[in-house]
């Protein structure tokens, strides 16, 4: 029997208009939102795709500190309205 592969996707490409802050980097339960989501997906996914845009380098660095980089793939959102 073949094991099914599960991929997760995190869309982290825009700044919140209402909160006036970049939500993925806001602290939540001792980590940033993006780290908490990545850790949860890491336990069930074979690959995690992170769509970046606004503050892409900060998002990448924040996730890379988790040392689970072999599962992560960063894809830039290059549309003009993503920033």
PDB file of N, CA and C in Angstrom:
ATOM      1  N   UNK A   1       0.837  -1.171   0.000  1.00  0.00           N
ATOM      2  CA  UNK A   1       0.000   0.000   0.000  1.00  0.00           C
ATOM      3  C   UNK A   1       0.889   1.243   0.000  1.00  0.00           C
ATOM      4  N   UNK A   2       0.561   2.202  -0.864  1.00  0.00           N
ATOM      5  CA  UNK A   2       1.322   3.447  -0.940  1.00  0.00           C
ATOM      6  C   UNK A   2       0.873   4.422   0.137  1.00  0.00           C
ATOM      7  N   UNK A   3       1.842   5.035   0.761  1.00  0.00           N
ATOM      8  CA  UNK A   3       1.541   6.071   1.747  1.00  0.00           C
ATOM      9  C   UNK A   3       1.199   7.358   1.008  1.00  0.00           C
ATOM     10  N   UNK A   4       0.103   7.981   1.375  1.00  0.00           N
ATOM     11  CA  UNK A   4      -0.287   9.239   0.759  1.00  0.00           C
ATOM     12  C   UNK A   4       0.627  10.363   1.238  1.00  0.00           C
ATOM     13  N   UNK A   5       0.981  11.227   0.313  1.00  0.00           N
ATOM     14  CA  UNK A   5       1.783  12.396   0.668  1.00  0.00           C
ATOM     15  C   UNK A   5       0.854  13.568   0.909  1.00  0.00           C
ATOM     16  N   UNK A   6       1.137  14.293   1.945  1.00  0.00           N
ATOM     17  CA  UNK A   6       0.346  15.472   2.297  1.00  0.00           C
ATOM     18  C   UNK A   6       1.259  16.689   2.262  1.00  0.00           C
ATOM     19  N   UNK A   7       0.831  17.687   1.510  1.00  0.00           N
ATOM     20  CA  UNK A   7       1.561  18.952   1.453  1.00  0.00           C
ATOM     21  C   UNK A   7       0.719  20.026   2.113  1.00  0.00           C
ATOM     22  N   UNK A   8       1.390  20.919   2.831  1.00  0.00           N
ATOM     23  CA  UNK A   8       0.712  22.048   3.457  1.00  0.00           C
ATOM     24  C   UNK A   8       1.121  23.334   2.758  1.00  0.00           C
ATOM     25  N   UNK A   9       0.228  24.308   2.775  1.00  0.00           N
ATOM     26  CA  UNK A   9       0.549  25.603   2.184  1.00  0.00           C
ATOM     27  C   UNK A   9       0.184  26.714   3.166  1.00  0.00           C
ATOM     28  N   UNK A  10       1.103  27.655   3.317  1.00  0.00           N
ATOM     29  CA  UNK A  10       0.889  28.824   4.169  1.00  0.00           C
ATOM     30  C   UNK A  10       1.000  30.048   3.267  1.00  0.00           C
ATOM     31  N   UNK A  11      -0.033  30.865   3.247  1.00  0.00           N
ATOM     32  CA  UNK A  11       0.006  32.083   2.457  1.00  0.00           C
ATOM     33  C   UNK A  11       0.342  33.239   3.398  1.00  0.00           C
ATOM     34  N   UNK A  12       1.517  33.779   3.199  1.00  0.00           N
ATOM     35  CA  UNK A  12       2.040  34.818   4.087  1.00  0.00           C
ATOM     36  C   UNK A  12       2.578  35.963   3.243  1.00  0.00           C
ATOM     37  N   UNK A  13       1.718  36.558   2.428  1.00  0.00           N
ATOM     38  CA  UNK A  13       2.214  37.499   1.433  1.00  0.00           C
ATOM     39  C   UNK A  13       1.744  38.941   1.600  1.00  0.00           C
ATOM     40  N   UNK A  14       0.811  39.199   2.498  1.00  0.00           N
ATOM     41  CA  UNK A  14       0.283  40.562   2.605  1.00  0.00           C
ATOM     42  C   UNK A  14       0.276  41.060   4.031  1.00  0.00           C
ATOM     43  N   UNK A  15       0.352  42.355   4.159  1.00  0.00           N
ATOM     44  CA  UNK A  15       0.243  43.010   5.459  1.00  0.00           C
ATOM     45  C   UNK A  15      -1.239  43.240   5.746  1.00  0.00           C
ATOM     46  N   UNK A  16      -1.647  43.070   6.977  1.00  0.00           N
ATOM     47  CA  UNK A  16      -3.033  43.270   7.364  1.00  0.00           C
ATOM     48  C   UNK A  16      -3.388  44.750   7.344  1.00  0.00           C
ATOM     49  N   UNK A  17      -4.484  45.075   6.707  1.00  0.00           N
ATOM     50  CA  UNK A  17      -4.941  46.458   6.685  1.00  0.00           C
ATOM     51  C   UNK A  17      -5.592  46.864   7.992  1.00  0.00           C
ATOM     52  N   UNK A  18      -6.345  45.963   8.596  1.00  0.00           N
ATOM     53  CA  UNK A  18      -7.047  46.284   9.840  1.00  0.00           C
ATOM     54  C   UNK A  18      -6.130  46.329  11.043  1.00  0.00           C
ATOM     55  N   UNK A  19      -5.227  45.379  11.138  1.00  0.00           N
ATOM     56  CA  UNK A  19      -4.367  45.280  12.323  1.00  0.00           C
ATOM     57  C   UNK A  19      -3.167  46.225  12.259  1.00  0.00           C
ATOM     58  N   UNK A  20      -2.838  46.685  11.078  1.00  0.00           N
ATOM     59  CA  UNK A  20      -1.678  47.573  10.886  1.00  0.00           C
ATOM     60  C   UNK A  20      -0.366  46.904  11.295  1.00  0.00           C
ATOM     61  N   UNK A  21      -0.387  45.579  11.323  1.00  0.00           N
ATOM     62  CA  UNK A  21       0.803  44.802  11.669  1.00  0.00           C
ATOM     63  C   UNK A  21       0.895  43.627  10.711  1.00  0.00           C
ATOM     64  N   UNK A  22       2.057  43.038  10.627  1.00  0.00           N
ATOM     65  CA  UNK A  22       2.245  41.854   9.794  1.00  0.00           C
ATOM     66  C   UNK A  22       1.945  40.628  10.642  1.00  0.00           C
ATOM     67  N   UNK A  23       0.775  40.060  10.459  1.00  0.00           N
ATOM     68  CA  UNK A  23       0.278  38.993  11.329  1.00  0.00           C
ATOM     69  C   UNK A  23       1.212  37.790  11.483  1.00  0.00           C
ATOM     70  N   UNK A  24       1.864  37.305  10.434  1.00  0.00           N
ATOM     71  CA  UNK A  24       2.714  36.121  10.613  1.00  0.00           C
ATOM     72  C   UNK A  24       3.808  36.270  11.665  1.00  0.00           C
ATOM     73  N   UNK A  25       4.249  37.506  11.904  1.00  0.00           N
ATOM     74  CA  UNK A  25       5.343  37.712  12.856  1.00  0.00           C
ATOM     75  C   UNK A  25       4.875  38.156  14.238  1.00  0.00           C
ATOM     76  N   UNK A  26       3.571  38.263  14.440  1.00  0.00           N
ATOM     77  CA  UNK A  26       3.035  38.612  15.749  1.00  0.00           C
ATOM     78  C   UNK A  26       3.233  37.437  16.705  1.00  0.00           C
ATOM     79  N   UNK A  27       3.622  37.716  17.928  1.00  0.00           N
ATOM     80  CA  UNK A  27       3.838  36.666  18.915  1.00  0.00           C
ATOM     81  C   UNK A  27       2.548  35.996  19.352  1.00  0.00           C
ATOM     82  N   UNK A  28       2.629  34.672  19.518  1.00  0.00           N
ATOM     83  CA  UNK A  28       1.484  33.886  19.968  1.00  0.00           C
ATOM     84  C   UNK A  28       2.000  32.629  20.666  1.00  0.00           C
ATOM     85  N   UNK A  29       1.694  32.492  21.935  1.00  0.00           N
ATOM     86  CA  UNK A  29       2.104  31.319  22.723  1.00  0.00           C
ATOM     87  C   UNK A  29       3.594  31.015  22.630  1.00  0.00           C
ATOM     88  N   UNK A  30       4.389  32.054  22.784  1.00  0.00           N
ATOM     89  CA  UNK A  30       5.834  31.863  22.837  1.00  0.00           C
ATOM     90  C   UNK A  30       6.544  31.819  21.496  1.00  0.00           C
ATOM     91  N   UNK A  31       5.810  31.869  20.401  1.00  0.00           N
ATOM     92  CA  UNK A  31       6.383  31.872  19.055  1.00  0.00           C
ATOM     93  C   UNK A  31       5.605  32.857  18.206  1.00  0.00           C
ATOM     94  N   UNK A  32       6.051  33.044  16.991  1.00  0.00           N
ATOM     95  CA  UNK A  32       5.270  33.852  16.048  1.00  0.00           C
ATOM     96  C   UNK A  32       4.151  32.978  15.476  1.00  0.00           C
ATOM     97  N   UNK A  33       3.145  33.631  14.900  1.00  0.00           N
ATOM     98  CA  UNK A  33       2.072  32.867  14.250  1.00  0.00           C
ATOM     99  C   UNK A  33       2.644  31.929  13.196  1.00  0.00           C
ATOM    100  N   UNK A  34       3.557  32.438  12.365  1.00  0.00           N
ATOM    101  CA  UNK A  34       4.095  31.634  11.271  1.00  0.00           C
ATOM    102  C   UNK A  34       4.853  30.418  11.798  1.00  0.00           C
ATOM    103  N   UNK A  35       5.563  30.548  12.889  1.00  0.00           N
ATOM    104  CA  UNK A  35       6.265  29.394  13.479  1.00  0.00           C
ATOM    105  C   UNK A  35       5.270  28.382  14.041  1.00  0.00           C
ATOM    106  N   UNK A  36       4.244  28.863  14.746  1.00  0.00           N
ATOM    107  CA  UNK A  36       3.240  27.941  15.292  1.00  0.00           C
ATOM    108  C   UNK A  36       2.561  27.139  14.192  1.00  0.00           C
ATOM    109  N   UNK A  37       2.187  27.810  13.118  1.00  0.00           N
ATOM    110  CA  UNK A  37       1.528  27.118  12.004  1.00  0.00           C
ATOM    111  C   UNK A  37       2.490  26.125  11.352  1.00  0.00           C
ATOM    112  N   UNK A  38       3.739  26.542  11.144  1.00  0.00           N
ATOM    113  CA  UNK A  38       4.733  25.665  10.534  1.00  0.00           C
ATOM    114  C   UNK A  38       4.976  24.421  11.390  1.00  0.00           C
ATOM    115  N   UNK A  39       5.084  24.597  12.688  1.00  0.00           N
ATOM    116  CA  UNK A  39       5.294  23.446  13.580  1.00  0.00           C
ATOM    117  C   UNK A  39       4.118  22.471  13.530  1.00  0.00           C
ATOM    118  N   UNK A  40       2.899  22.999  13.490  1.00  0.00           N
ATOM    119  CA  UNK A  40       1.723  22.125  13.413  1.00  0.00           C
ATOM    120  C   UNK A  40       1.684  21.363  12.089  1.00  0.00           C
ATOM    121  N   UNK A  41       1.959  22.056  10.993  1.00  0.00           N
ATOM    122  CA  UNK A  41       1.979  21.387   9.693  1.00  0.00           C
ATOM    123  C   UNK A  41       3.121  20.382   9.596  1.00  0.00           C
ATOM    124  N   UNK A  42       4.244  20.677  10.218  1.00  0.00           N
ATOM    125  CA  UNK A  42       5.396  19.786  10.180  1.00  0.00           C
ATOM    126  C   UNK A  42       5.067  18.390  10.717  1.00  0.00           C
ATOM    127  N   UNK A  43       4.174  18.333  11.676  1.00  0.00           N
ATOM    128  CA  UNK A  43       3.843  17.028  12.278  1.00  0.00           C
ATOM    129  C   UNK A  43       2.996  16.147  11.364  1.00  0.00           C
ATOM    130  N   UNK A  44       2.367  16.731  10.337  1.00  0.00           N
ATOM    131  CA  UNK A  44       1.502  15.904   9.467  1.00  0.00           C
ATOM    132  C   UNK A  44       1.830  16.010   7.981  1.00  0.00           C
ATOM    133  N   UNK A  45       2.667  16.956   7.585  1.00  0.00           N
ATOM    134  CA  UNK A  45       2.924  17.187   6.162  1.00  0.00           C
ATOM    135  C   UNK A  45       4.305  16.696   5.742  1.00  0.00           C
ATOM    136  N   UNK A  46       4.382  16.255   4.488  1.00  0.00           N
ATOM    137  CA  UNK A  46       5.657  15.862   3.904  1.00  0.00           C
ATOM    138  C   UNK A  46       6.431  17.071   3.392  1.00  0.00           C
ATOM    139  N   UNK A  47       5.691  18.086   2.947  1.00  0.00           N
ATOM    140  CA  UNK A  47       6.302  19.319   2.452  1.00  0.00           C
ATOM    141  C   UNK A  47       5.417  20.483   2.872  1.00  0.00           C
ATOM    142  N   UNK A  48       6.060  21.616   3.172  1.00  0.00           N
ATOM    143  CA  UNK A  48       5.345  22.832   3.540  1.00  0.00           C
ATOM    144  C   UNK A  48       5.753  23.925   2.561  1.00  0.00           C
ATOM    145  N   UNK A  49       4.778  24.457   1.841  1.00  0.00           N
ATOM    146  CA  UNK A  49       5.015  25.530   0.882  1.00  0.00           C
ATOM    147  C   UNK A  49       4.589  26.834   1.536  1.00  0.00           C
ATOM    148  N   UNK A  50       5.493  27.800   1.556  1.00  0.00           N
ATOM    149  CA  UNK A  50       5.213  29.100   2.158  1.00  0.00           C
ATOM    150  C   UNK A  50       5.243  30.149   1.050  1.00  0.00           C
ATOM    151  N   UNK A  51       4.085  30.768   0.789  1.00  0.00           N
ATOM    152  CA  UNK A  51       4.002  31.828  -0.204  1.00  0.00           C
ATOM    153  C   UNK A  51       4.351  33.132   0.508  1.00  0.00           C
ATOM    154  N   UNK A  52       5.390  33.789   0.017  1.00  0.00           N
ATOM    155  CA  UNK A  52       5.865  35.013   0.661  1.00  0.00           C
ATOM    156  C   UNK A  52       5.646  36.221  -0.246  1.00  0.00           C
ATOM    157  N   UNK A  53       5.677  37.370   0.349  1.00  0.00           N
ATOM    158  CA  UNK A  53       5.554  38.636  -0.368  1.00  0.00           C
ATOM    159  C   UNK A  53       6.105  39.716   0.527  1.00  0.00           C
ATOM    160  N   UNK A  54       5.217  40.370   1.264  1.00  0.00           N
ATOM    161  CA  UNK A  54       5.605  41.406   2.213  1.00  0.00           C
ATOM    162  C   UNK A  54       6.527  40.803   3.273  1.00  0.00           C
ATOM    163  N   UNK A  55       7.645  41.433   3.544  1.00  0.00           N
ATOM    164  CA  UNK A  55       8.624  40.983   4.546  1.00  0.00           C
ATOM    165  C   UNK A  55       9.076  39.538   4.339  1.00  0.00           C
ATOM    166  N   UNK A  56       9.274  39.163   3.089  1.00  0.00           N
ATOM    167  CA  UNK A  56       9.645  37.781   2.758  1.00  0.00           C
ATOM    168  C   UNK A  56      10.904  37.315   3.491  1.00  0.00           C
ATOM    169  N   UNK A  57      11.926  38.165   3.556  1.00  0.00           N
ATOM    170  CA  UNK A  57      13.171  37.741   4.208  1.00  0.00           C
ATOM    171  C   UNK A  57      12.967  37.494   5.701  1.00  0.00           C
ATOM    172  N   UNK A  58      12.122  38.301   6.347  1.00  0.00           N
ATOM    173  CA  UNK A  58      11.842  38.095   7.769  1.00  0.00           C
ATOM    174  C   UNK A  58      11.062  36.801   7.997  1.00  0.00           C
ATOM    175  N   UNK A  59      10.126  36.511   7.118  1.00  0.00           N
ATOM    176  CA  UNK A  59       9.346  35.268   7.228  1.00  0.00           C
ATOM    177  C   UNK A  59      10.265  34.065   7.066  1.00  0.00           C
ATOM    178  N   UNK A  60      11.110  34.086   6.041  1.00  0.00           N
ATOM    179  CA  UNK A  60      12.043  32.978   5.809  1.00  0.00           C
ATOM    180  C   UNK A  60      12.949  32.755   7.013  1.00  0.00           C
ATOM    181  N   UNK A  61      13.537  33.825   7.511  1.00  0.00           N
ATOM    182  CA  UNK A  61      14.446  33.711   8.656  1.00  0.00           C
ATOM    183  C   UNK A  61      13.720  33.190   9.886  1.00  0.00           C
ATOM    184  N   UNK A  62      12.515  33.644  10.107  1.00  0.00           N
ATOM    185  CA  UNK A  62      11.717  33.217  11.256  1.00  0.00           C
ATOM    186  C   UNK A  62      11.455  31.715  11.208  1.00  0.00           C
ATOM    187  N   UNK A  63      11.147  31.206  10.039  1.00  0.00           N
ATOM    188  CA  UNK A  63      10.865  29.771   9.880  1.00  0.00           C
ATOM    189  C   UNK A  63      12.157  28.954   9.902  1.00  0.00           C
ATOM    190  N   UNK A  64      13.212  29.468   9.287  1.00  0.00           N
ATOM    191  CA  UNK A  64      14.483  28.725   9.234  1.00  0.00           C
ATOM    192  C   UNK A  64      15.044  28.455  10.624  1.00  0.00           C
ATOM    193  N   UNK A  65      14.738  29.290  11.581  1.00  0.00           N
ATOM    194  CA  UNK A  65      15.216  29.090  12.946  1.00  0.00           C
ATOM    195  C   UNK A  65      14.622  27.832  13.589  1.00  0.00           C
ATOM    196  N   UNK A  66      13.589  27.254  12.986  1.00  0.00           N
ATOM    197  CA  UNK A  66      12.986  26.024  13.516  1.00  0.00           C
ATOM    198  C   UNK A  66      13.806  24.778  13.175  1.00  0.00           C
ATOM    199  N   UNK A  67      14.750  24.900  12.241  1.00  0.00           N
ATOM    200  CA  UNK A  67      15.607  23.779  11.814  1.00  0.00           C
ATOM    201  C   UNK A  67      14.821  22.601  11.246  1.00  0.00           C
ATOM    202  N   UNK A  68      13.775  22.886  10.482  1.00  0.00           N
ATOM    203  CA  UNK A  68      13.044  21.848   9.745  1.00  0.00           C
ATOM    204  C   UNK A  68      13.022  22.237   8.267  1.00  0.00           C
ATOM    205  N   UNK A  69      14.131  22.814   7.810  1.00  0.00           N
ATOM    206  CA  UNK A  69      14.201  23.426   6.487  1.00  0.00           C
ATOM    207  C   UNK A  69      14.039  22.458   5.330  1.00  0.00           C
ATOM    208  N   UNK A  70      14.318  21.187   5.523  1.00  0.00           N
ATOM    209  CA  UNK A  70      14.212  20.249   4.407  1.00  0.00           C
ATOM    210  C   UNK A  70      12.774  20.099   3.920  1.00  0.00           C
ATOM    211  N   UNK A  71      11.803  20.403   4.758  1.00  0.00           N
ATOM    212  CA  UNK A  71      10.399  20.298   4.371  1.00  0.00           C
ATOM    213  C   UNK A  71       9.855  21.585   3.767  1.00  0.00           C
ATOM    214  N   UNK A  72      10.538  22.693   3.956  1.00  0.00           N
ATOM    215  CA  UNK A  72      10.003  23.992   3.569  1.00  0.00           C
ATOM    216  C   UNK A  72      10.441  24.393   2.173  1.00  0.00           C
ATOM    217  N   UNK A  73       9.483  24.947   1.439  1.00  0.00           N
ATOM    218  CA  UNK A  73       9.785  25.546   0.142  1.00  0.00           C
ATOM    219  C   UNK A  73       9.144  26.923   0.142  1.00  0.00           C
ATOM    220  N   UNK A  74       9.934  27.939  -0.165  1.00  0.00           N
ATOM    221  CA  UNK A  74       9.442  29.311  -0.191  1.00  0.00           C
ATOM    222  C   UNK A  74       9.179  29.723  -1.628  1.00  0.00           C
ATOM    223  N   UNK A  75       7.988  30.238  -1.872  1.00  0.00           N
ATOM    224  CA  UNK A  75       7.585  30.657  -3.211  1.00  0.00           C
ATOM    225  C   UNK A  75       7.164  32.124  -3.133  1.00  0.00           C
ATOM    226  N   UNK A  76       7.807  32.994  -3.908  1.00  0.00           N
ATOM    227  CA  UNK A  76       7.432  34.409  -3.846  1.00  0.00           C
ATOM    228  C   UNK A  76       6.148  34.694  -4.622  1.00  0.00           C
ATOM    229  N   UNK A  77       5.299  35.528  -4.043  1.00  0.00           N
ATOM    230  CA  UNK A  77       4.127  36.047  -4.733  1.00  0.00           C
ATOM    231  C   UNK A  77       4.600  37.307  -5.433  1.00  0.00           C
ATOM    232  N   UNK A  78       4.627  37.303  -6.736  1.00  0.00           N
ATOM    233  CA  UNK A  78       5.192  38.416  -7.472  1.00  0.00           C
ATOM    234  C   UNK A  78       4.150  39.358  -8.056  1.00  0.00           C
ATOM    235  N   UNK A  79       2.889  39.188  -7.694  1.00  0.00           N
ATOM    236  CA  UNK A  79       1.878  40.114  -8.197  1.00  0.00           C
ATOM    237  C   UNK A  79       2.064  41.473  -7.556  1.00  0.00           C
ATOM    238  N   UNK A  80       1.738  42.516  -8.281  1.00  0.00           N
ATOM    239  CA  UNK A  80       2.013  43.871  -7.811  1.00  0.00           C
ATOM    240  C   UNK A  80       1.183  44.275  -6.593  1.00  0.00           C
ATOM    241  N   UNK A  81       0.053  43.641  -6.343  1.00  0.00           N
ATOM    242  CA  UNK A  81      -0.764  44.040  -5.211  1.00  0.00           C
ATOM    243  C   UNK A  81      -0.513  43.205  -3.961  1.00  0.00           C
ATOM    244  N   UNK A  82       0.564  42.468  -3.925  1.00  0.00           N
ATOM    245  CA  UNK A  82       0.845  41.620  -2.756  1.00  0.00           C
ATOM    246  C   UNK A  82       1.606  42.362  -1.663  1.00  0.00           C
ATOM    247  N   UNK A  83       2.007  43.581  -1.896  1.00  0.00           N
ATOM    248  CA  UNK A  83       2.824  44.302  -0.932  1.00  0.00           C
ATOM    249  C   UNK A  83       2.058  45.421  -0.368  1.00  0.00           C
TER     250      UNK A  83
END
